[in-house]
Amino acid sequence: MPNWNFKVLLYNKLQIEKKIVFNLIGIALIALVYACTGVNEPSKITIAAAANTQYALESIIEKFTEKTGISCELIIGSSGKHTAQIIEGAPFDIFVSADMKYPSDLYKKGLTTAAPEIYAYGKLVLWTMVDGLPISIENLNDSDIKHIALANPKTAPYGQAALEVLEKNGLLYGLENKLVYGESVAQTNQFIYSKSAEIGFTAQSVVLSPEMKGEGYWVFINDSSYTPISQGVVVINQPNRNNSQAYKFYKFLFSKEAKIILKDFGYSVDE
């Protein structure tokens, strides 16, 4: 007479072993898919950056991608606008600001992985495309100057610095009717370049860029006339997203290679 209890036990044992094998195969397949597709690892990083940094960052990104193989999407705008977008959940990985205030605000809200660090100090210049136009702070009252462009001081630190310069020189209230505000340094540059404004305040990094170098005329503004433009960077907290690539770019921004590029664009990096 067959031992049915033994056969049942043997059958159950085989079924359990079969299930374990299938589970192990399933786990191995999932691991393989993760390894091949890089789940939660973005194919590229998205960098929200202040408009003054555009040209310098394009050069830095080129070096970074060449070195790491990691591609980057650069989104240019005012620091204030980017901050509002990040608070609303914009999918940015890195925020390269024109000041320390905006990234500090994001850190206080728990939206960044760490407190911001200063990567550079920006410089302000006065720029015109009009031949023969007197170009100095003192000559902004000149009758040939109908419009003076600057970035919106409410959202762009370079615009705030420009207002400080005018106020320190006792010109702010006398020139109010001439002031034309761009949404960011980028739009301010358009006003100046198109001669919609005869003259304007912009970042030194703009006039030293390969795209703009030799275009028009500009003078350096004594940086004792405005609060130092300490520019900060942060990695944004993105839930369910691996930000190891963002950290690599963050680290590269402080590298010797990146600092050389920043200096070439007129930034100070050693203060």
Protein backbone atom coordinates (compact mmCIF):
# COMPACT_ATOMS: atom_id res chain seq x y z
CA MET A 1 0.00 0.00 0.00
CA PRO A 2 1.51 3.34 -1.08
CA ASN A 3 2.63 5.81 1.57
CA TRP A 4 0.33 8.73 0.64
CA ASN A 5 1.53 10.95 3.46
CA PHE A 6 5.07 10.68 2.16
CA LYS A 7 3.93 11.43 -1.41
CA VAL A 8 1.96 14.51 -0.26
CA LEU A 9 4.98 15.80 1.66
CA LEU A 10 7.23 15.20 -1.34
CA TYR A 11 4.77 16.96 -3.68
CA ASN A 12 4.50 19.96 -1.34
CA LYS A 13 8.29 20.14 -1.07
CA LEU A 14 8.64 20.13 -4.87
CA GLN A 15 5.99 22.86 -5.23
CA ILE A 16 7.76 25.06 -2.66
CA GLU A 17 11.12 24.55 -4.38
CA LYS A 18 9.53 25.34 -7.74
CA LYS A 19 8.03 28.56 -6.33
CA ILE A 20 11.39 29.58 -4.87
CA VAL A 21 13.10 29.02 -8.23
CA PHE A 22 10.49 31.12 -10.03
CA ASN A 23 10.81 33.89 -7.42
CA LEU A 24 14.57 33.91 -7.79
CA ILE A 25 14.25 34.12 -11.56
CA GLY A 26 11.80 36.99 -11.18
CA ILE A 27 14.12 38.88 -8.85
CA ALA A 28 17.04 38.34 -11.24
CA LEU A 29 14.99 39.67 -14.18
CA ILE A 30 13.91 42.74 -12.23
CA ALA A 31 17.52 43.40 -11.21
CA LEU A 32 18.57 43.07 -14.85
CA VAL A 33 15.93 45.55 -15.98
CA TYR A 34 17.02 48.02 -13.29
CA ALA A 35 20.64 47.61 -14.31
CA CYS A 36 19.90 48.17 -17.99
CA THR A 37 17.39 51.00 -17.74
CA GLY A 38 18.66 52.82 -14.66
CA VAL A 39 15.27 53.17 -12.97
CA ASN A 40 15.05 56.45 -11.01
CA GLU A 41 18.33 57.53 -12.58
CA PRO A 42 17.50 60.41 -14.96
CA SER A 43 19.00 60.19 -18.46
CA LYS A 44 19.97 63.83 -18.05
CA ILE A 45 19.94 66.47 -15.35
CA THR A 46 17.95 69.67 -15.55
CA ILE A 47 19.69 72.82 -14.38
CA ALA A 48 17.68 75.93 -13.57
CA ALA A 49 20.09 78.84 -13.80
CA ALA A 50 20.11 82.61 -13.41
CA ALA A 51 20.38 84.42 -16.74
CA ASN A 52 23.78 85.94 -15.96
CA THR A 53 25.31 82.46 -15.83
CA GLN A 54 24.06 81.28 -19.23
CA TYR A 55 27.24 81.59 -21.28
CA ALA A 56 29.60 80.43 -18.54
CA LEU A 57 27.40 77.44 -17.72
CA GLU A 58 27.17 76.42 -21.36
CA SER A 59 30.96 76.11 -21.40
CA ILE A 60 31.02 74.33 -18.03
CA ILE A 61 28.30 71.89 -19.10
CA GLU A 62 30.19 71.08 -22.30
CA LYS A 63 33.27 70.13 -20.24
CA PHE A 64 31.17 68.23 -17.70
CA THR A 65 29.34 66.16 -20.34
CA GLU A 66 32.57 65.47 -22.17
CA LYS A 67 34.13 64.20 -18.94
CA THR A 68 31.18 62.23 -17.48
CA GLY A 69 28.87 61.42 -20.39
CA ILE A 70 26.00 62.98 -18.42
CA SER A 71 23.86 65.33 -20.51
CA CYS A 72 22.32 68.50 -19.09
CA GLU A 73 19.32 70.62 -19.96
CA LEU A 74 19.86 74.29 -19.11
CA ILE A 75 16.78 76.38 -18.21
CA ILE A 76 17.54 80.12 -18.08
CA GLY A 77 15.48 82.66 -16.14
CA SER A 78 15.48 85.00 -13.18
CA SER A 79 16.46 83.56 -9.81
CA GLY A 80 13.15 84.66 -8.29
CA LYS A 81 11.09 83.03 -11.03
CA HIS A 82 13.03 79.77 -10.75
CA THR A 83 12.50 79.78 -6.98
CA ALA A 84 8.74 80.13 -7.44
CA GLN A 85 8.77 77.28 -9.98
CA ILE A 86 10.71 74.99 -7.63
CA ILE A 87 8.26 75.71 -4.80
CA GLU A 88 5.47 74.71 -7.20
CA GLY A 89 7.22 71.41 -7.94
CA ALA A 90 9.21 72.09 -11.12
CA PRO A 91 11.38 69.02 -11.95
CA PHE A 92 14.75 70.77 -11.65
CA ASP A 93 17.76 68.86 -10.32
CA ILE A 94 20.10 71.80 -9.71
CA PHE A 95 19.44 75.49 -9.05
CA VAL A 96 22.29 77.85 -9.94
CA SER A 97 21.21 81.19 -8.50
CA ALA A 98 22.45 84.76 -8.89
CA ASP A 99 22.43 85.22 -5.13
CA MET A 100 22.29 83.33 -1.85
CA LYS A 101 18.86 84.53 -0.73
CA TYR A 102 16.73 82.46 -3.08
CA PRO A 103 18.53 79.11 -2.61
CA SER A 104 18.61 79.78 1.15
CA ASP A 105 14.84 80.25 1.11
CA LEU A 106 14.44 76.89 -0.64
CA TYR A 107 16.73 75.23 1.91
CA LYS A 108 14.63 76.61 4.78
CA LYS A 109 11.56 75.09 3.15
CA GLY A 110 13.25 71.68 3.00
CA LEU A 111 13.36 71.68 -0.80
CA THR A 112 17.13 71.21 -1.16
CA THR A 113 19.46 68.45 -0.06
CA ALA A 114 21.77 70.87 1.79
CA ALA A 115 22.38 74.56 2.45
CA PRO A 116 23.61 76.56 -0.58
CA GLU A 117 27.28 77.20 -1.22
CA ILE A 118 28.82 80.16 -3.02
CA TYR A 119 30.30 79.12 -6.35
CA ALA A 120 31.17 82.64 -7.63
CA TYR A 121 30.83 86.38 -7.16
CA GLY A 122 29.23 88.30 -10.02
CA LYS A 123 30.24 91.71 -11.39
CA LEU A 124 28.04 94.49 -12.76
CA VAL A 125 28.74 96.54 -15.90
CA LEU A 126 27.11 99.34 -17.87
CA TRP A 127 26.66 98.41 -21.56
CA THR A 128 25.54 100.20 -24.72
CA MET A 129 25.31 99.43 -28.43
CA VAL A 130 25.02 103.10 -29.42
CA ASP A 131 28.14 104.53 -31.06
CA GLY A 132 29.50 107.65 -29.42
CA LEU A 133 27.16 107.52 -26.44
CA PRO A 134 28.79 108.77 -23.21
CA ILE A 135 29.02 105.66 -21.05
CA SER A 136 29.34 106.24 -17.33
CA ILE A 137 27.12 106.44 -14.26
CA GLU A 138 27.50 110.22 -14.23
CA ASN A 139 26.27 110.52 -17.83
CA LEU A 140 23.02 108.61 -17.34
CA ASN A 141 21.25 111.97 -17.12
CA ASP A 142 22.39 112.76 -20.68
CA SER A 143 19.51 113.86 -22.92
CA ASP A 144 20.47 111.28 -25.54
CA ILE A 145 19.66 108.52 -23.06
CA LYS A 146 15.89 107.96 -23.04
CA HIS A 147 15.85 104.43 -21.63
CA ILE A 148 18.08 102.63 -19.14
CA ALA A 149 17.62 98.86 -18.99
CA LEU A 150 18.04 96.73 -15.88
CA ALA A 151 16.70 93.42 -14.65
CA ASN A 152 13.64 93.38 -12.40
CA PRO A 153 15.07 93.97 -8.90
CA LYS A 154 12.22 91.98 -7.35
CA THR A 155 13.35 88.72 -8.97
CA ALA A 156 16.86 89.36 -10.34
CA PRO A 157 19.79 90.14 -7.99
CA TYR A 158 21.65 92.03 -10.74
CA GLY A 159 18.66 94.37 -11.02
CA GLN A 160 18.80 94.97 -7.27
CA ALA A 161 22.53 95.71 -7.54
CA ALA A 162 21.84 98.22 -10.33
CA LEU A 163 19.31 100.05 -8.12
CA GLU A 164 21.87 100.18 -5.33
CA VAL A 165 24.37 101.81 -7.71
CA LEU A 166 21.86 104.45 -8.79
CA GLU A 167 20.83 105.14 -5.22
CA LYS A 168 24.40 105.41 -3.98
CA ASN A 169 25.15 107.93 -6.73
CA GLY A 170 22.03 109.96 -5.91
CA LEU A 171 20.44 109.22 -9.29
CA LEU A 172 17.64 106.78 -8.52
CA TYR A 173 14.72 109.18 -8.19
CA GLY A 174 15.87 111.51 -10.95
CA LEU A 175 16.07 108.65 -13.44
CA GLU A 176 12.89 106.74 -12.54
CA ASN A 177 11.14 107.66 -15.79
CA LYS A 178 14.02 106.29 -17.86
CA LEU A 179 14.23 102.88 -16.22
CA VAL A 180 13.07 99.88 -18.27
CA TYR A 181 12.88 96.55 -16.45
CA GLY A 182 13.62 93.19 -18.04
CA GLU A 183 12.24 90.01 -16.53
CA SER A 184 15.82 88.78 -16.17
CA VAL A 185 19.34 89.71 -17.24
CA ALA A 186 18.65 87.85 -20.52
CA GLN A 187 15.71 90.10 -21.42
CA THR A 188 17.65 93.16 -20.26
CA ASN A 189 20.41 92.17 -22.70
CA GLN A 190 17.83 92.05 -25.50
CA PHE A 191 16.73 95.61 -24.69
CA ILE A 192 20.34 96.82 -24.82
CA TYR A 193 21.41 94.79 -27.86
CA SER A 194 18.39 95.83 -29.93
CA LYS A 195 18.90 99.48 -28.82
CA SER A 196 15.37 99.54 -27.41
CA ALA A 197 17.27 100.97 -24.44
CA GLU A 198 20.23 103.17 -25.23
CA ILE A 199 22.16 101.81 -22.27
CA GLY A 200 21.72 99.32 -19.45
CA PHE A 201 23.11 97.34 -16.54
CA THR A 202 24.12 93.73 -17.09
CA ALA A 203 26.51 91.06 -15.86
CA GLN A 204 30.16 91.22 -16.85
CA SER A 205 29.86 87.54 -17.80
CA VAL A 206 27.56 88.59 -20.66
CA VAL A 207 29.89 91.12 -22.32
CA LEU A 208 32.85 88.74 -21.96
CA SER A 209 31.02 85.79 -23.54
CA PRO A 210 32.13 84.62 -27.01
CA GLU A 211 28.66 85.49 -28.31
CA MET A 212 28.81 89.12 -27.13
CA LYS A 213 32.51 89.89 -26.85
CA GLY A 214 33.37 93.01 -28.88
CA GLU A 215 29.70 93.98 -29.25
CA GLY A 216 29.05 97.57 -28.24
CA TYR A 217 30.84 99.35 -25.42
CA TRP A 218 30.88 98.72 -21.71
CA VAL A 219 32.45 99.95 -18.49
CA PHE A 220 33.08 98.10 -15.26
CA ILE A 221 31.15 99.42 -12.25
CA ASN A 222 33.12 99.70 -9.03
CA ASP A 223 31.90 96.78 -6.93
CA SER A 224 32.03 98.93 -3.79
CA SER A 225 28.88 100.61 -5.17
CA TYR A 226 26.69 97.57 -4.52
CA THR A 227 26.36 94.62 -2.18
CA PRO A 228 28.62 91.75 -3.34
CA ILE A 229 26.70 89.45 -5.67
CA SER A 230 27.33 86.14 -3.92
CA GLN A 231 25.96 83.44 -6.22
CA GLY A 232 24.80 80.16 -4.70
CA VAL A 233 23.98 76.66 -5.91
CA VAL A 234 21.85 73.86 -4.45
CA VAL A 235 20.73 70.35 -5.36
CA ILE A 236 16.94 70.14 -5.36
CA ASN A 237 15.18 67.43 -3.35
CA GLN A 238 13.34 65.31 -5.91
CA PRO A 239 11.29 62.47 -4.34
CA ASN A 240 11.77 59.02 -5.90
CA ARG A 241 14.60 60.26 -8.05
CA ASN A 242 18.26 59.32 -7.88
CA ASN A 243 20.18 62.59 -7.75
CA SER A 244 23.69 61.12 -7.87
CA GLN A 245 24.23 62.71 -11.29
CA ALA A 246 23.14 66.08 -9.95
CA TYR A 247 25.72 65.76 -7.17
CA LYS A 248 28.38 65.08 -9.78
CA PHE A 249 27.58 68.34 -11.53
CA TYR A 250 27.40 70.18 -8.21
CA LYS A 251 30.89 68.93 -7.36
CA PHE A 252 32.19 69.77 -10.85
CA LEU A 253 31.01 73.39 -10.48
CA PHE A 254 33.60 73.79 -7.71
CA SER A 255 36.37 72.05 -9.64
CA LYS A 256 39.51 73.76 -10.93
CA GLU A 257 38.25 73.34 -14.52
CA ALA A 258 34.97 75.11 -13.78
CA LYS A 259 36.68 77.88 -11.80
CA ILE A 260 38.95 78.67 -14.75
CA ILE A 261 35.88 79.06 -16.96
CA LEU A 262 34.10 81.23 -14.40
CA LYS A 263 37.15 83.50 -14.14
CA ASP A 264 37.28 83.80 -17.94
CA PHE A 265 33.73 85.12 -17.80
CA GLY A 266 34.62 87.78 -15.24
CA TYR A 267 33.47 86.04 -12.08
CA SER A 268 35.51 86.08 -8.90
CA VAL A 269 35.85 82.63 -7.33
CA ASP A 270 38.59 83.03 -4.75
CA GLU A 271 37.04 85.49 -2.26
